[in-house]
Amino acid sequence: MTFSNIGPLDTIMKALFEPYKNSVTDVNKVSEALVEKGVIISQNEIVNDHIAFRTLGVPNLGIASFEKIFLHYGYTKKDYYFFEKKQLNAYWYSPPHPRFPRIFISELRVADQPQEIQDTIKKYTNTITTDPVDELDLDKPEAVGAFFYKSLWDLPSLADYTILAENSEYAAWVIYNRYYLNHYTISVHELKEGYNTLEEFNMFLTEIGVKLNNSGGIIKTSTDGLLKQSSSVAKMVEATFADGEQLQISGSYVEFAERLALPEYENIAPKQLKRSQRRDGFESANADKIFESTYSSQTKS
């Protein structure tokens, strides 16, 4: 990712990415291996397809609150997605300029959860009586960058985290990690030949020891065949809870996407394709399986 610091949105993206990169070891592992193989000169050459956030659908939080930040900076709200089994809503947002990543924001449908889960979540979020984004000066990018790591609610107890995890691993991830960047995504089609298809790139990832999410297959492909996605499995991190107890829980991960040419542009050479000539947006069936990169079915397999 390139942060030119020529505008406030660059500052925000850097504030998001640097702590994430330092925490998610696969980020540097992949970029360093690409440099070693001569695919790129530096990490700055990697094109970030999209970044993703998880939220809780309760008053003063959730998508309706969080999206205000990116809408303020010129993002455009696009398609809605519903994940019935995981009980999630989501939208994606198109950037104001192609050099910025798309954004994918999801939220847990808290009102659809069992009462014990609702009560456990509200135990932490009921103290938030106004929208915290409304209290931000959105014209100050440094303050916005710091907001993503702000403790909006109390650190959960291990007991409460466990209650949530048994019913919704998504809810448990959010209650501990809050608005921490869930993942960023390498656009593999922007890389040099030999690495610019997801099949080839996944072989490279396997060779360097990156464990891939196999839910729904290693490669998740949209119904039109034009969007292919894979992801690493989240590394386990040592978490300390409110009661001082510790537990290894899933952190964040890295995604890898290949966007193929739209039918009317399929005869254009890949390196000549513009972003607008490739498949845009997302696919709910793909995203449904990508979510599981932080789930125990993947991290403990």
C-alpha atoms as a PDB file:
ATOM      1  CA  MET A   1       0.000   0.000   0.000  1.00  0.00           C
ATOM      2  CA  THR A   2       1.207   3.480  -0.843  1.00  0.00           C
ATOM      3  CA  PHE A   3       0.571   6.378   1.527  1.00  0.00           C
ATOM      4  CA  SER A   4       1.617   9.537  -0.197  1.00  0.00           C
ATOM      5  CA  ASN A   5       0.397  11.789   2.619  1.00  0.00           C
ATOM      6  CA  ILE A   6      -0.965  14.257   0.108  1.00  0.00           C
ATOM      7  CA  GLY A   7      -4.392  14.226   1.682  1.00  0.00           C
ATOM      8  CA  PRO A   8      -6.298  13.419   4.871  1.00  0.00           C
ATOM      9  CA  LEU A   9      -7.546  10.061   3.588  1.00  0.00           C
ATOM     10  CA  ASP A  10      -3.928   8.924   3.152  1.00  0.00           C
ATOM     11  CA  THR A  11      -3.326   9.786   6.792  1.00  0.00           C
ATOM     12  CA  ILE A  12      -6.337   7.746   7.878  1.00  0.00           C
ATOM     13  CA  MET A  13      -5.349   4.734   5.792  1.00  0.00           C
ATOM     14  CA  LYS A  14      -1.830   4.808   7.200  1.00  0.00           C
ATOM     15  CA  ALA A  15      -3.200   5.019  10.760  1.00  0.00           C
ATOM     16  CA  LEU A  16      -5.297   1.937  10.016  1.00  0.00           C
ATOM     17  CA  PHE A  17      -2.664  -0.087   8.228  1.00  0.00           C
ATOM     18  CA  GLU A  18       0.488   0.343  10.311  1.00  0.00           C
ATOM     19  CA  PRO A  19      -0.770  -1.216  13.593  1.00  0.00           C
ATOM     20  CA  TYR A  20      -2.517  -3.960  11.598  1.00  0.00           C
ATOM     21  CA  LYS A  21       0.671  -4.741   9.649  1.00  0.00           C
ATOM     22  CA  ASN A  22       2.700  -4.908  12.853  1.00  0.00           C
ATOM     23  CA  SER A  23       0.222  -7.320  14.412  1.00  0.00           C
ATOM     24  CA  VAL A  24      -0.612  -9.622  11.490  1.00  0.00           C
ATOM     25  CA  THR A  25       2.621 -11.440  10.703  1.00  0.00           C
ATOM     26  CA  ASP A  26       1.411 -12.726   7.330  1.00  0.00           C
ATOM     27  CA  VAL A  27       1.369  -9.159   5.963  1.00  0.00           C
ATOM     28  CA  ASN A  28       5.146  -8.781   6.093  1.00  0.00           C
ATOM     29  CA  LYS A  29       5.726 -12.465   5.402  1.00  0.00           C
ATOM     30  CA  VAL A  30       3.974 -12.199   2.044  1.00  0.00           C
ATOM     31  CA  SER A  31       5.400  -8.830   1.014  1.00  0.00           C
ATOM     32  CA  GLU A  32       8.964  -9.790   1.979  1.00  0.00           C
ATOM     33  CA  ALA A  33       8.713 -13.025  -0.011  1.00  0.00           C
ATOM     34  CA  LEU A  34       7.417 -11.088  -3.027  1.00  0.00           C
ATOM     35  CA  VAL A  35      10.394  -8.746  -2.772  1.00  0.00           C
ATOM     36  CA  GLU A  36      12.812 -11.676  -2.486  1.00  0.00           C
ATOM     37  CA  LYS A  37      11.375 -13.238  -5.643  1.00  0.00           C
ATOM     38  CA  GLY A  38      11.570  -9.970  -7.539  1.00  0.00           C
ATOM     39  CA  VAL A  39       7.815  -9.658  -7.974  1.00  0.00           C
ATOM     40  CA  ILE A  40       7.801  -6.229  -6.338  1.00  0.00           C
ATOM     41  CA  ILE A  41      10.478  -3.803  -5.201  1.00  0.00           C
ATOM     42  CA  SER A  42       8.698  -2.824  -1.987  1.00  0.00           C
ATOM     43  CA  GLN A  43       5.432  -3.319  -0.148  1.00  0.00           C
ATOM     44  CA  ASN A  44       4.284   0.058  -1.480  1.00  0.00           C
ATOM     45  CA  GLU A  45       3.731  -1.540  -4.896  1.00  0.00           C
ATOM     46  CA  ILE A  46       0.979  -3.804  -3.578  1.00  0.00           C
ATOM     47  CA  VAL A  47      -2.496  -2.634  -4.607  1.00  0.00           C
ATOM     48  CA  ASN A  48      -5.025  -2.902  -1.798  1.00  0.00           C
ATOM     49  CA  ASP A  49      -8.315  -4.192  -3.222  1.00  0.00           C
ATOM     50  CA  HIS A  50     -10.360  -3.566  -0.086  1.00  0.00           C
ATOM     51  CA  ILE A  51     -10.316  -3.365   3.688  1.00  0.00           C
ATOM     52  CA  ALA A  52     -12.989  -4.750   5.995  1.00  0.00           C
ATOM     53  CA  PHE A  53     -14.463  -3.921   9.374  1.00  0.00           C
ATOM     54  CA  ARG A  54     -16.824  -5.732  11.734  1.00  0.00           C
ATOM     55  CA  THR A  55     -19.396  -3.973  13.934  1.00  0.00           C
ATOM     56  CA  LEU A  56     -22.341  -4.630  16.242  1.00  0.00           C
ATOM     57  CA  GLY A  57     -25.849  -3.642  15.138  1.00  0.00           C
ATOM     58  CA  VAL A  58     -26.980  -1.793  18.254  1.00  0.00           C
ATOM     59  CA  PRO A  59     -28.103   1.821  18.799  1.00  0.00           C
ATOM     60  CA  ASN A  60     -25.291   4.367  18.265  1.00  0.00           C
ATOM     61  CA  LEU A  61     -22.954   1.774  16.749  1.00  0.00           C
ATOM     62  CA  GLY A  62     -23.023  -0.543  13.744  1.00  0.00           C
ATOM     63  CA  ILE A  63     -22.933   0.352  10.068  1.00  0.00           C
ATOM     64  CA  ALA A  64     -25.108   3.470  10.435  1.00  0.00           C
ATOM     65  CA  SER A  65     -22.506   4.993  12.738  1.00  0.00           C
ATOM     66  CA  PHE A  66     -19.260   3.659  11.295  1.00  0.00           C
ATOM     67  CA  GLU A  67     -19.984   4.452   7.655  1.00  0.00           C
ATOM     68  CA  LYS A  68     -20.181   8.187   8.440  1.00  0.00           C
ATOM     69  CA  ILE A  69     -16.402   8.324   8.554  1.00  0.00           C
ATOM     70  CA  PHE A  70     -15.919   7.056   5.023  1.00  0.00           C
ATOM     71  CA  LEU A  71     -18.912   8.826   3.530  1.00  0.00           C
ATOM     72  CA  HIS A  72     -17.380  12.057   4.856  1.00  0.00           C
ATOM     73  CA  TYR A  73     -14.208  11.293   2.919  1.00  0.00           C
ATOM     74  CA  GLY A  74     -15.974  10.744  -0.383  1.00  0.00           C
ATOM     75  CA  TYR A  75     -16.807   7.058  -0.353  1.00  0.00           C
ATOM     76  CA  THR A  76     -20.059   6.002  -2.051  1.00  0.00           C
ATOM     77  CA  LYS A  77     -22.371   3.448  -0.431  1.00  0.00           C
ATOM     78  CA  LYS A  78     -23.075   0.562  -2.802  1.00  0.00           C
ATOM     79  CA  ASP A  79     -24.676  -2.904  -2.540  1.00  0.00           C
ATOM     80  CA  TYR A  80     -26.324  -4.473   0.520  1.00  0.00           C
ATOM     81  CA  TYR A  81     -25.610  -8.070   1.554  1.00  0.00           C
ATOM     82  CA  PHE A  82     -27.426 -10.318   4.015  1.00  0.00           C
ATOM     83  CA  PHE A  83     -25.807 -13.380   5.568  1.00  0.00           C
ATOM     84  CA  GLU A  84     -28.666 -15.427   6.941  1.00  0.00           C
ATOM     85  CA  LYS A  85     -26.736 -18.188   8.717  1.00  0.00           C
ATOM     86  CA  LYS A  86     -24.265 -15.803  10.344  1.00  0.00           C
ATOM     87  CA  GLN A  87     -27.016 -13.199  10.945  1.00  0.00           C
ATOM     88  CA  LEU A  88     -25.070 -10.313   9.461  1.00  0.00           C
ATOM     89  CA  ASN A  89     -25.804  -7.245   7.365  1.00  0.00           C
ATOM     90  CA  ALA A  90     -23.138  -5.681   5.169  1.00  0.00           C
ATOM     91  CA  TYR A  91     -22.506  -2.952   2.608  1.00  0.00           C
ATOM     92  CA  TRP A  92     -19.544  -2.103   0.443  1.00  0.00           C
ATOM     93  CA  TYR A  93     -18.306   1.375  -0.355  1.00  0.00           C
ATOM     94  CA  SER A  94     -16.610   2.637  -3.505  1.00  0.00           C
ATOM     95  CA  PRO A  95     -13.615   4.947  -2.981  1.00  0.00           C
ATOM     96  CA  PRO A  96     -13.394   8.556  -4.169  1.00  0.00           C
ATOM     97  CA  HIS A  97     -10.277   7.696  -6.208  1.00  0.00           C
ATOM     98  CA  PRO A  98      -9.005   4.355  -7.588  1.00  0.00           C
ATOM     99  CA  ARG A  99      -5.818   4.536  -5.525  1.00  0.00           C
ATOM    100  CA  PHE A 100      -7.837   3.983  -2.373  1.00  0.00           C
ATOM    101  CA  PRO A 101      -9.275   0.591  -1.397  1.00  0.00           C
ATOM    102  CA  ARG A 102     -12.907  -0.403  -1.470  1.00  0.00           C
ATOM    103  CA  ILE A 103     -14.419  -0.765   1.999  1.00  0.00           C
ATOM    104  CA  PHE A 104     -16.595  -3.594   3.291  1.00  0.00           C
ATOM    105  CA  ILE A 105     -18.483  -3.031   6.567  1.00  0.00           C
ATOM    106  CA  SER A 106     -20.554  -5.722   8.251  1.00  0.00           C
ATOM    107  CA  GLU A 107     -22.604  -5.792  11.444  1.00  0.00           C
ATOM    108  CA  LEU A 108     -24.130  -8.460  13.639  1.00  0.00           C
ATOM    109  CA  ARG A 109     -27.937  -8.387  13.699  1.00  0.00           C
ATOM    110  CA  VAL A 110     -27.982  -8.252  17.492  1.00  0.00           C
ATOM    111  CA  ALA A 111     -31.782  -8.160  17.779  1.00  0.00           C
ATOM    112  CA  ASP A 112     -31.929 -11.558  16.053  1.00  0.00           C
ATOM    113  CA  GLN A 113     -29.665 -13.222  18.623  1.00  0.00           C
ATOM    114  CA  PRO A 114     -30.796 -15.365  21.570  1.00  0.00           C
ATOM    115  CA  GLN A 115     -31.663 -13.263  24.613  1.00  0.00           C
ATOM    116  CA  GLU A 116     -28.525 -14.289  26.521  1.00  0.00           C
ATOM    117  CA  ILE A 117     -26.361 -13.082  23.639  1.00  0.00           C
ATOM    118  CA  GLN A 118     -28.267  -9.801  23.359  1.00  0.00           C
ATOM    119  CA  ASP A 119     -27.932  -9.235  27.087  1.00  0.00           C
ATOM    120  CA  THR A 120     -24.215 -10.019  27.036  1.00  0.00           C
ATOM    121  CA  ILE A 121     -23.541  -7.592  24.172  1.00  0.00           C
ATOM    122  CA  LYS A 122     -25.698  -4.838  25.668  1.00  0.00           C
ATOM    123  CA  LYS A 123     -23.917  -5.241  28.990  1.00  0.00           C
ATOM    124  CA  TYR A 124     -20.987  -3.563  27.213  1.00  0.00           C
ATOM    125  CA  THR A 125     -22.655  -1.356  24.623  1.00  0.00           C
ATOM    126  CA  ASN A 126     -25.530   0.101  26.684  1.00  0.00           C
ATOM    127  CA  THR A 127     -23.117   2.621  28.179  1.00  0.00           C
ATOM    128  CA  ILE A 128     -22.821   4.205  24.711  1.00  0.00           C
ATOM    129  CA  THR A 129     -25.770   6.584  24.707  1.00  0.00           C
ATOM    130  CA  THR A 130     -24.724   8.778  21.771  1.00  0.00           C
ATOM    131  CA  ASP A 131     -23.080   8.015  18.465  1.00  0.00           C
ATOM    132  CA  PRO A 132     -19.314   8.270  19.096  1.00  0.00           C
ATOM    133  CA  VAL A 133     -18.650   9.212  15.466  1.00  0.00           C
ATOM    134  CA  ASP A 134     -20.818  12.316  15.933  1.00  0.00           C
ATOM    135  CA  GLU A 135     -18.390  13.438  18.613  1.00  0.00           C
ATOM    136  CA  LEU A 136     -15.441  13.223  16.205  1.00  0.00           C
ATOM    137  CA  ASP A 137     -14.166  16.139  14.192  1.00  0.00           C
ATOM    138  CA  LEU A 138     -14.113  14.259  10.910  1.00  0.00           C
ATOM    139  CA  ASP A 139     -11.976  16.966   9.332  1.00  0.00           C
ATOM    140  CA  LYS A 140      -9.095  15.974  11.616  1.00  0.00           C
ATOM    141  CA  PRO A 141      -7.633  12.775  10.090  1.00  0.00           C
ATOM    142  CA  GLU A 142      -5.288  12.129  13.034  1.00  0.00           C
ATOM    143  CA  ALA A 143      -8.280  12.028  15.404  1.00  0.00           C
ATOM    144  CA  VAL A 144     -10.144   9.740  13.013  1.00  0.00           C
ATOM    145  CA  GLY A 145      -7.149   7.415  12.788  1.00  0.00           C
ATOM    146  CA  ALA A 146      -6.938   7.187  16.574  1.00  0.00           C
ATOM    147  CA  PHE A 147     -10.671   6.475  16.806  1.00  0.00           C
ATOM    148  CA  PHE A 148     -10.302   3.031  15.228  1.00  0.00           C
ATOM    149  CA  TYR A 149      -8.334   1.885  18.257  1.00  0.00           C
ATOM    150  CA  LYS A 150     -10.379   3.692  20.896  1.00  0.00           C
ATOM    151  CA  SER A 151     -11.911   1.642  23.715  1.00  0.00           C
ATOM    152  CA  LEU A 152     -15.568   2.427  23.118  1.00  0.00           C
ATOM    153  CA  TRP A 153     -16.708  -0.158  25.648  1.00  0.00           C
ATOM    154  CA  ASP A 154     -15.129  -2.042  28.526  1.00  0.00           C
ATOM    155  CA  LEU A 155     -12.832  -4.965  27.932  1.00  0.00           C
ATOM    156  CA  PRO A 156     -14.955  -8.136  28.200  1.00  0.00           C
ATOM    157  CA  SER A 157     -14.523 -10.810  30.822  1.00  0.00           C
ATOM    158  CA  LEU A 158     -13.381 -14.211  29.597  1.00  0.00           C
ATOM    159  CA  ALA A 159     -16.725 -15.662  30.693  1.00  0.00           C
ATOM    160  CA  ASP A 160     -18.681 -13.196  28.558  1.00  0.00           C
ATOM    161  CA  TYR A 161     -16.341 -13.684  25.594  1.00  0.00           C
ATOM    162  CA  THR A 162     -16.899 -17.441  25.856  1.00  0.00           C
ATOM    163  CA  ILE A 163     -20.687 -17.053  25.964  1.00  0.00           C
ATOM    164  CA  LEU A 164     -20.566 -15.035  22.755  1.00  0.00           C
ATOM    165  CA  ALA A 165     -18.092 -17.345  21.019  1.00  0.00           C
ATOM    166  CA  GLU A 166     -20.285 -20.360  21.625  1.00  0.00           C
ATOM    167  CA  ASN A 167     -23.116 -18.719  19.708  1.00  0.00           C
ATOM    168  CA  SER A 168     -21.439 -16.256  17.335  1.00  0.00           C
ATOM    169  CA  GLU A 169     -17.689 -16.209  16.784  1.00  0.00           C
ATOM    170  CA  TYR A 170     -18.242 -12.960  14.883  1.00  0.00           C
ATOM    171  CA  ALA A 171     -19.753 -11.343  18.009  1.00  0.00           C
ATOM    172  CA  ALA A 172     -16.891 -12.580  20.175  1.00  0.00           C
ATOM    173  CA  TRP A 173     -14.305 -11.196  17.725  1.00  0.00           C
ATOM    174  CA  VAL A 174     -15.913  -7.737  17.749  1.00  0.00           C
ATOM    175  CA  ILE A 175     -16.506  -7.535  21.494  1.00  0.00           C
ATOM    176  CA  TYR A 176     -12.771  -7.995  22.067  1.00  0.00           C
ATOM    177  CA  ASN A 177     -11.205  -6.366  18.985  1.00  0.00           C
ATOM    178  CA  ARG A 178     -13.729  -3.533  18.513  1.00  0.00           C
ATOM    179  CA  TYR A 179     -13.058  -1.584  15.287  1.00  0.00           C
ATOM    180  CA  TYR A 180      -9.618  -3.068  14.676  1.00  0.00           C
ATOM    181  CA  LEU A 181      -8.940  -3.610  10.953  1.00  0.00           C
ATOM    182  CA  ASN A 182     -10.223  -7.108  10.172  1.00  0.00           C
ATOM    183  CA  HIS A 183      -8.251  -7.567   6.947  1.00  0.00           C
ATOM    184  CA  TYR A 184      -6.707  -5.929   3.946  1.00  0.00           C
ATOM    185  CA  THR A 185      -6.635  -7.488   0.498  1.00  0.00           C
ATOM    186  CA  ILE A 186      -3.860  -7.919  -2.047  1.00  0.00           C
ATOM    187  CA  SER A 187      -4.996  -7.421  -5.665  1.00  0.00           C
ATOM    188  CA  VAL A 188      -3.146 -10.344  -7.236  1.00  0.00           C
ATOM    189  CA  HIS A 189      -4.180  -9.368 -10.781  1.00  0.00           C
ATOM    190  CA  GLU A 190      -1.991  -6.270 -10.404  1.00  0.00           C
ATOM    191  CA  LEU A 191       1.173  -8.368  -9.927  1.00  0.00           C
ATOM    192  CA  LYS A 192       3.587  -9.621 -12.597  1.00  0.00           C
ATOM    193  CA  GLU A 193       2.941 -12.727 -14.686  1.00  0.00           C
ATOM    194  CA  GLY A 194       3.375 -15.950 -12.779  1.00  0.00           C
ATOM    195  CA  TYR A 195       1.769 -14.390  -9.708  1.00  0.00           C
ATOM    196  CA  ASN A 196      -1.230 -12.551 -11.179  1.00  0.00           C
ATOM    197  CA  THR A 197      -3.796 -15.338 -11.032  1.00  0.00           C
ATOM    198  CA  LEU A 198      -5.151 -16.620  -7.747  1.00  0.00           C
ATOM    199  CA  GLU A 199      -4.245 -20.206  -8.621  1.00  0.00           C
ATOM    200  CA  GLU A 200      -0.587 -19.209  -9.090  1.00  0.00           C
ATOM    201  CA  PHE A 201      -0.560 -16.885  -6.111  1.00  0.00           C
ATOM    202  CA  ASN A 202      -1.977 -19.531  -3.800  1.00  0.00           C
ATOM    203  CA  MET A 203       0.820 -21.888  -4.832  1.00  0.00           C
ATOM    204  CA  PHE A 204       3.293 -19.172  -3.854  1.00  0.00           C
ATOM    205  CA  LEU A 205       1.497 -18.660  -0.517  1.00  0.00           C
ATOM    206  CA  THR A 206       1.614 -22.380   0.236  1.00  0.00           C
ATOM    207  CA  GLU A 207       5.323 -22.487  -0.596  1.00  0.00           C
ATOM    208  CA  ILE A 208       6.115 -19.764   1.953  1.00  0.00           C
ATOM    209  CA  GLY A 209       3.979 -21.389   4.646  1.00  0.00           C
ATOM    210  CA  VAL A 210       0.846 -19.229   4.673  1.00  0.00           C
ATOM    211  CA  LYS A 211      -2.121 -21.272   5.872  1.00  0.00           C
ATOM    212  CA  LEU A 212      -5.209 -20.687   3.729  1.00  0.00           C
ATOM    213  CA  ASN A 213      -8.876 -20.722   4.691  1.00  0.00           C
ATOM    214  CA  ASN A 214     -10.386 -23.830   3.050  1.00  0.00           C
ATOM    215  CA  SER A 215     -14.042 -23.178   3.907  1.00  0.00           C
ATOM    216  CA  GLY A 216     -15.920 -23.448   0.635  1.00  0.00           C
ATOM    217  CA  GLY A 217     -12.640 -24.350  -1.070  1.00  0.00           C
ATOM    218  CA  ILE A 218      -9.323 -22.518  -1.087  1.00  0.00           C
ATOM    219  CA  ILE A 219     -10.591 -20.278  -3.902  1.00  0.00           C
ATOM    220  CA  LYS A 220     -14.060 -18.795  -3.504  1.00  0.00           C
ATOM    221  CA  THR A 221     -15.466 -17.878  -6.934  1.00  0.00           C
ATOM    222  CA  SER A 222     -18.440 -15.632  -7.723  1.00  0.00           C
ATOM    223  CA  THR A 223     -21.332 -17.022  -9.761  1.00  0.00           C
ATOM    224  CA  ASP A 224     -20.205 -15.024 -12.805  1.00  0.00           C
ATOM    225  CA  GLY A 225     -16.679 -16.407 -12.422  1.00  0.00           C
ATOM    226  CA  LEU A 226     -15.141 -12.942 -12.442  1.00  0.00           C
ATOM    227  CA  LEU A 227     -14.263 -12.508  -8.757  1.00  0.00           C
ATOM    228  CA  LYS A 228     -11.942 -14.996  -7.080  1.00  0.00           C
ATOM    229  CA  GLN A 229     -10.960 -14.712  -3.424  1.00  0.00           C
ATOM    230  CA  SER A 230      -8.763 -16.563  -0.948  1.00  0.00           C
ATOM    231  CA  SER A 231      -7.629 -15.644   2.540  1.00  0.00           C
ATOM    232  CA  SER A 232      -5.110 -16.607   5.156  1.00  0.00           C
ATOM    233  CA  VAL A 233      -6.242 -18.115   8.433  1.00  0.00           C
ATOM    234  CA  ALA A 234      -6.057 -15.628  11.288  1.00  0.00           C
ATOM    235  CA  LYS A 235      -3.130 -16.124  13.619  1.00  0.00           C
ATOM    236  CA  MET A 236      -3.908 -16.774  17.251  1.00  0.00           C
ATOM    237  CA  VAL A 237      -2.947 -13.960  19.629  1.00  0.00           C
ATOM    238  CA  GLU A 238      -2.665 -13.827  23.411  1.00  0.00           C
ATOM    239  CA  ALA A 239      -5.653 -11.874  24.724  1.00  0.00           C
ATOM    240  CA  THR A 240      -5.962 -10.544  28.267  1.00  0.00           C
ATOM    241  CA  PHE A 241      -9.510 -10.119  29.537  1.00  0.00           C
ATOM    242  CA  ALA A 242     -11.033  -7.812  32.136  1.00  0.00           C
ATOM    243  CA  ASP A 243     -10.612 -10.340  34.909  1.00  0.00           C
ATOM    244  CA  GLY A 244      -6.914 -10.776  34.078  1.00  0.00           C
ATOM    245  CA  GLU A 245      -7.411 -14.202  32.557  1.00  0.00           C
ATOM    246  CA  GLN A 246      -5.709 -14.924  29.253  1.00  0.00           C
ATOM    247  CA  LEU A 247      -6.680 -16.938  26.209  1.00  0.00           C
ATOM    248  CA  GLN A 248      -5.389 -17.426  22.693  1.00  0.00           C
ATOM    249  CA  ILE A 249      -7.980 -15.921  20.325  1.00  0.00           C
ATOM    250  CA  SER A 250      -8.037 -15.223  16.608  1.00  0.00           C
ATOM    251  CA  GLY A 251      -6.650 -11.928  15.384  1.00  0.00           C
ATOM    252  CA  SER A 252      -6.860 -10.466  11.881  1.00  0.00           C
ATOM    253  CA  TYR A 253      -5.828 -11.948   8.544  1.00  0.00           C
ATOM    254  CA  VAL A 254      -4.962 -11.164   4.912  1.00  0.00           C
ATOM    255  CA  GLU A 255      -7.169 -11.646   1.870  1.00  0.00           C
ATOM    256  CA  PHE A 256      -6.158 -12.139  -1.771  1.00  0.00           C
ATOM    257  CA  ALA A 257      -8.438 -11.194  -4.664  1.00  0.00           C
ATOM    258  CA  GLU A 258      -8.401 -11.539  -8.434  1.00  0.00           C
ATOM    259  CA  ARG A 259     -10.849  -9.448 -10.427  1.00  0.00           C
ATOM    260  CA  LEU A 260     -11.233 -10.520 -14.027  1.00  0.00           C
ATOM    261  CA  ALA A 261     -12.258  -8.400 -17.007  1.00  0.00           C
ATOM    262  CA  LEU A 262     -15.923  -7.700 -17.594  1.00  0.00           C
ATOM    263  CA  PRO A 263     -17.191  -9.539 -20.715  1.00  0.00           C
ATOM    264  CA  GLU A 264     -17.076  -6.433 -22.902  1.00  0.00           C
ATOM    265  CA  TYR A 265     -13.384  -5.928 -22.077  1.00  0.00           C
ATOM    266  CA  GLU A 266     -12.139  -9.517 -22.081  1.00  0.00           C
ATOM    267  CA  ASN A 267     -10.078  -9.005 -25.261  1.00  0.00           C
ATOM    268  CA  ILE A 268      -7.984  -6.246 -23.654  1.00  0.00           C
ATOM    269  CA  ALA A 269      -4.546  -7.327 -22.440  1.00  0.00           C
ATOM    270  CA  PRO A 270      -4.594  -7.742 -18.630  1.00  0.00           C
ATOM    271  CA  LYS A 271      -1.956  -5.074 -18.016  1.00  0.00           C
ATOM    272  CA  GLN A 272      -3.962  -2.584 -20.076  1.00  0.00           C
ATOM    273  CA  LEU A 273      -7.191  -3.072 -18.157  1.00  0.00           C
ATOM    274  CA  LYS A 274      -8.451  -0.182 -16.073  1.00  0.00           C
ATOM    275  CA  ARG A 275     -10.000  -0.788 -12.670  1.00  0.00           C
ATOM    276  CA  SER A 276     -13.431   0.169 -14.065  1.00  0.00           C
ATOM    277  CA  GLN A 277     -13.114  -2.575 -16.704  1.00  0.00           C
ATOM    278  CA  ARG A 278     -12.755  -5.343 -14.139  1.00  0.00           C
ATOM    279  CA  ARG A 279     -15.444  -6.984 -12.046  1.00  0.00           C
ATOM    280  CA  ASP A 280     -16.381  -4.673  -9.180  1.00  0.00           C
ATOM    281  CA  GLY A 281     -18.251  -5.186  -5.919  1.00  0.00           C
ATOM    282  CA  PHE A 282     -18.466  -8.367  -3.893  1.00  0.00           C
ATOM    283  CA  GLU A 283     -20.211 -11.739  -3.777  1.00  0.00           C
ATOM    284  CA  SER A 284     -22.148 -12.797  -0.679  1.00  0.00           C
ATOM    285  CA  ALA A 285     -21.309 -16.502  -1.083  1.00  0.00           C
ATOM    286  CA  ASN A 286     -17.590 -15.686  -1.240  1.00  0.00           C
ATOM    287  CA  ALA A 287     -17.722 -13.279   1.702  1.00  0.00           C
ATOM    288  CA  ASP A 288     -19.671 -15.771   3.797  1.00  0.00           C
ATOM    289  CA  LYS A 289     -16.725 -18.167   3.704  1.00  0.00           C
ATOM    290  CA  ILE A 290     -14.068 -15.455   4.026  1.00  0.00           C
ATOM    291  CA  PHE A 291     -15.639 -14.457   7.380  1.00  0.00           C
ATOM    292  CA  GLU A 292     -14.605 -17.864   8.689  1.00  0.00           C
ATOM    293  CA  SER A 293     -10.912 -16.970   8.498  1.00  0.00           C
ATOM    294  CA  THR A 294     -11.209 -16.029  12.189  1.00  0.00           C
ATOM    295  CA  TYR A 295     -13.428 -18.984  13.151  1.00  0.00           C
ATOM    296  CA  SER A 296     -12.200 -21.924  15.220  1.00  0.00           C
ATOM    297  CA  SER A 297     -13.084 -24.322  12.395  1.00  0.00           C
ATOM    298  CA  GLN A 298     -10.127 -22.776  10.551  1.00  0.00           C
ATOM    299  CA  THR A 299      -7.753 -21.649  13.288  1.00  0.00           C
ATOM    300  CA  LYS A 300      -7.824 -25.016  15.067  1.00  0.00           C
ATOM    301  CA  SER A 301      -7.792 -27.271  12.006  1.00  0.00           C
END
